[in-house]
Amino acid sequence: MSVALAELLSIELIRKHLRVDHLDEDDLILLYAECALAWALWYCDNPDLVAAQDFPASFKGALLLLISHSYANREAVVLGSSGTDVATLPLGVETLLWSSRNFRGPPDPAPETQP
């Protein structure tokens, strides 16, 4: 990854967002947070996101939504009351990450040096 999770979000801020006031699940929370960061970086595919100051607040907010979704639901779908209705849980993550996406394509390769 280009940036460490702790540079973007502290475990204290993540716990506050989750409304968790104990340390017992920090390892699980950090696992969800690392997964959220990896997914968001993949989704945005933006080579300009390198240092902590390059990440807008919307990116960090999206991470918090992804982390809380993983923590609260532990599944990507929810079953309806009949047991046959399955619905994907809605997220605002893509909307928040939209401004950080790379629509320019891959960066131009460095010119080759001739001996």
C-alpha atoms as a PDB file:
ATOM      1  CA  MET A   1       0.000   0.000   0.000  1.00  0.00           C
ATOM      2  CA  SER A   2       1.128   3.525  -0.604  1.00  0.00           C
ATOM      3  CA  VAL A   3       0.179   4.831   2.814  1.00  0.00           C
ATOM      4  CA  ALA A   4      -0.176   3.255   6.232  1.00  0.00           C
ATOM      5  CA  LEU A   5      -3.645   3.071   7.722  1.00  0.00           C
ATOM      6  CA  ALA A   6      -2.497   4.784  10.926  1.00  0.00           C
ATOM      7  CA  GLU A   7      -1.498   7.840   8.871  1.00  0.00           C
ATOM      8  CA  LEU A   8      -5.113   8.247   7.726  1.00  0.00           C
ATOM      9  CA  LEU A   9      -7.205   7.011  10.641  1.00  0.00           C
ATOM     10  CA  SER A  10      -6.265   6.318  14.231  1.00  0.00           C
ATOM     11  CA  ILE A  11      -7.674   3.283  16.001  1.00  0.00           C
ATOM     12  CA  GLU A  12      -9.203   5.698  18.511  1.00  0.00           C
ATOM     13  CA  LEU A  13     -11.120   7.516  15.769  1.00  0.00           C
ATOM     14  CA  ILE A  14     -12.267   4.217  14.262  1.00  0.00           C
ATOM     15  CA  ARG A  15     -13.464   2.982  17.678  1.00  0.00           C
ATOM     16  CA  LYS A  16     -15.296   6.296  18.191  1.00  0.00           C
ATOM     17  CA  HIS A  17     -17.020   5.901  14.818  1.00  0.00           C
ATOM     18  CA  LEU A  18     -17.993   2.327  15.697  1.00  0.00           C
ATOM     19  CA  ARG A  19     -19.084   3.413  19.197  1.00  0.00           C
ATOM     20  CA  VAL A  20     -16.793   0.778  20.684  1.00  0.00           C
ATOM     21  CA  ASP A  21     -15.356   1.720  24.068  1.00  0.00           C
ATOM     22  CA  HIS A  22     -13.158  -1.326  24.697  1.00  0.00           C
ATOM     23  CA  LEU A  23      -9.905  -2.644  23.231  1.00  0.00           C
ATOM     24  CA  ASP A  24     -10.936  -6.315  22.992  1.00  0.00           C
ATOM     25  CA  GLU A  25     -11.687  -6.225  19.259  1.00  0.00           C
ATOM     26  CA  ASP A  26      -8.889  -3.954  18.043  1.00  0.00           C
ATOM     27  CA  ASP A  27      -7.316  -6.768  16.033  1.00  0.00           C
ATOM     28  CA  LEU A  28     -10.601  -7.396  14.199  1.00  0.00           C
ATOM     29  CA  ILE A  29     -11.226  -3.679  13.692  1.00  0.00           C
ATOM     30  CA  LEU A  30      -7.713  -3.185  12.304  1.00  0.00           C
ATOM     31  CA  LEU A  31      -8.173  -6.136   9.943  1.00  0.00           C
ATOM     32  CA  TYR A  32     -11.396  -4.583   8.603  1.00  0.00           C
ATOM     33  CA  ALA A  33      -9.625  -1.219   8.338  1.00  0.00           C
ATOM     34  CA  GLU A  34      -6.704  -2.640   6.344  1.00  0.00           C
ATOM     35  CA  CYS A  35      -9.147  -4.408   4.026  1.00  0.00           C
ATOM     36  CA  ALA A  36     -11.131  -1.193   3.588  1.00  0.00           C
ATOM     37  CA  LEU A  37      -7.988   0.769   2.722  1.00  0.00           C
ATOM     38  CA  ALA A  38      -6.795  -1.862   0.246  1.00  0.00           C
ATOM     39  CA  TRP A  39     -10.198  -1.965  -1.458  1.00  0.00           C
ATOM     40  CA  ALA A  40     -10.552   1.821  -1.600  1.00  0.00           C
ATOM     41  CA  LEU A  41      -7.075   2.198  -3.104  1.00  0.00           C
ATOM     42  CA  TRP A  42      -7.890  -0.468  -5.678  1.00  0.00           C
ATOM     43  CA  TYR A  43     -11.253   1.153  -6.468  1.00  0.00           C
ATOM     44  CA  CYS A  44      -9.751   4.606  -6.918  1.00  0.00           C
ATOM     45  CA  ASP A  45      -6.664   3.385  -8.800  1.00  0.00           C
ATOM     46  CA  ASN A  46      -5.202   6.851  -8.337  1.00  0.00           C
ATOM     47  CA  PRO A  47      -1.391   7.120  -8.454  1.00  0.00           C
ATOM     48  CA  ASP A  48      -1.660  10.583  -6.888  1.00  0.00           C
ATOM     49  CA  LEU A  49      -2.766   9.055  -3.567  1.00  0.00           C
ATOM     50  CA  VAL A  50       0.647   8.456  -2.026  1.00  0.00           C
ATOM     51  CA  ALA A  51       1.123  10.465   1.161  1.00  0.00           C
ATOM     52  CA  ALA A  52      -1.413  11.092   3.921  1.00  0.00           C
ATOM     53  CA  GLN A  53      -1.946  14.712   2.842  1.00  0.00           C
ATOM     54  CA  ASP A  54      -3.069  13.497  -0.614  1.00  0.00           C
ATOM     55  CA  PHE A  55      -6.205  11.829   0.779  1.00  0.00           C
ATOM     56  CA  PRO A  56      -9.337  13.998   1.007  1.00  0.00           C
ATOM     57  CA  ALA A  57     -11.746  13.812   3.923  1.00  0.00           C
ATOM     58  CA  SER A  58     -14.259  12.035   1.677  1.00  0.00           C
ATOM     59  CA  PHE A  59     -11.784   9.155   1.235  1.00  0.00           C
ATOM     60  CA  LYS A  60     -11.351   8.849   4.999  1.00  0.00           C
ATOM     61  CA  GLY A  61     -15.121   9.012   5.485  1.00  0.00           C
ATOM     62  CA  ALA A  62     -15.547   6.207   2.970  1.00  0.00           C
ATOM     63  CA  LEU A  63     -13.037   4.121   4.915  1.00  0.00           C
ATOM     64  CA  LEU A  64     -15.038   4.636   8.095  1.00  0.00           C
ATOM     65  CA  LEU A  65     -18.218   3.534   6.301  1.00  0.00           C
ATOM     66  CA  LEU A  66     -16.523   0.419   4.940  1.00  0.00           C
ATOM     67  CA  ILE A  67     -15.062  -0.442   8.332  1.00  0.00           C
ATOM     68  CA  SER A  68     -18.359   0.051  10.153  1.00  0.00           C
ATOM     69  CA  HIS A  69     -20.217  -1.945   7.511  1.00  0.00           C
ATOM     70  CA  SER A  70     -17.813  -4.864   7.935  1.00  0.00           C
ATOM     71  CA  TYR A  71     -17.886  -4.602  11.721  1.00  0.00           C
ATOM     72  CA  ALA A  72     -21.670  -4.357  12.062  1.00  0.00           C
ATOM     73  CA  ASN A  73     -22.816  -6.781   9.395  1.00  0.00           C
ATOM     74  CA  ARG A  74     -20.024  -9.318   8.956  1.00  0.00           C
ATOM     75  CA  GLU A  75     -21.779 -10.266   5.694  1.00  0.00           C
ATOM     76  CA  ALA A  76     -22.300  -8.495   2.365  1.00  0.00           C
ATOM     77  CA  VAL A  77     -25.982  -9.407   2.198  1.00  0.00           C
ATOM     78  CA  VAL A  78     -28.920  -9.544   4.548  1.00  0.00           C
ATOM     79  CA  LEU A  79     -31.719 -12.086   4.435  1.00  0.00           C
ATOM     80  CA  GLY A  80     -35.296 -10.897   4.366  1.00  0.00           C
ATOM     81  CA  SER A  81     -37.991 -12.030   6.780  1.00  0.00           C
ATOM     82  CA  SER A  82     -39.010 -14.975   4.612  1.00  0.00           C
ATOM     83  CA  GLY A  83     -35.443 -16.289   4.367  1.00  0.00           C
ATOM     84  CA  THR A  84     -35.576 -16.220   0.569  1.00  0.00           C
ATOM     85  CA  ASP A  85     -35.304 -12.474   0.052  1.00  0.00           C
ATOM     86  CA  VAL A  86     -31.665 -11.404  -0.187  1.00  0.00           C
ATOM     87  CA  ALA A  87     -30.632  -7.798  -0.539  1.00  0.00           C
ATOM     88  CA  THR A  88     -27.232  -6.175  -0.890  1.00  0.00           C
ATOM     89  CA  LEU A  89     -26.675  -3.651   1.850  1.00  0.00           C
ATOM     90  CA  PRO A  90     -26.485  -0.097   0.495  1.00  0.00           C
ATOM     91  CA  LEU A  91     -23.347   1.938   1.057  1.00  0.00           C
ATOM     92  CA  GLY A  92     -22.404   5.509   0.312  1.00  0.00           C
ATOM     93  CA  VAL A  93     -18.798   4.442  -0.172  1.00  0.00           C
ATOM     94  CA  GLU A  94     -18.679   4.667  -3.960  1.00  0.00           C
ATOM     95  CA  THR A  95     -20.144   8.148  -3.853  1.00  0.00           C
ATOM     96  CA  LEU A  96     -17.518   9.297  -1.360  1.00  0.00           C
ATOM     97  CA  LEU A  97     -14.661   7.710  -3.296  1.00  0.00           C
ATOM     98  CA  TRP A  98     -15.804   8.995  -6.693  1.00  0.00           C
ATOM     99  CA  SER A  99     -13.757  12.203  -6.441  1.00  0.00           C
ATOM    100  CA  SER A 100     -10.596  10.221  -5.670  1.00  0.00           C
ATOM    101  CA  ARG A 101     -10.895   7.848  -8.662  1.00  0.00           C
ATOM    102  CA  ASN A 102      -8.381   7.919 -11.475  1.00  0.00           C
ATOM    103  CA  PHE A 103     -10.117   8.483 -14.794  1.00  0.00           C
ATOM    104  CA  ARG A 104      -6.912   9.386 -16.639  1.00  0.00           C
ATOM    105  CA  GLY A 105      -5.710   5.815 -17.053  1.00  0.00           C
ATOM    106  CA  PRO A 106      -2.295   4.481 -16.105  1.00  0.00           C
ATOM    107  CA  PRO A 107       0.556   6.965 -15.792  1.00  0.00           C
ATOM    108  CA  ASP A 108       2.807   7.389 -18.787  1.00  0.00           C
ATOM    109  CA  PRO A 109       5.821   5.066 -18.597  1.00  0.00           C
ATOM    110  CA  ALA A 110       9.165   6.644 -17.864  1.00  0.00           C
ATOM    111  CA  PRO A 111      11.176   7.239 -21.034  1.00  0.00           C
ATOM    112  CA  GLU A 112      13.831   4.643 -21.654  1.00  0.00           C
ATOM    113  CA  THR A 113      17.380   5.842 -21.396  1.00  0.00           C
ATOM    114  CA  GLN A 114      19.674   5.151 -24.318  1.00  0.00           C
ATOM    115  CA  PRO A 115      23.324   4.195 -23.569  1.00  0.00           C
END
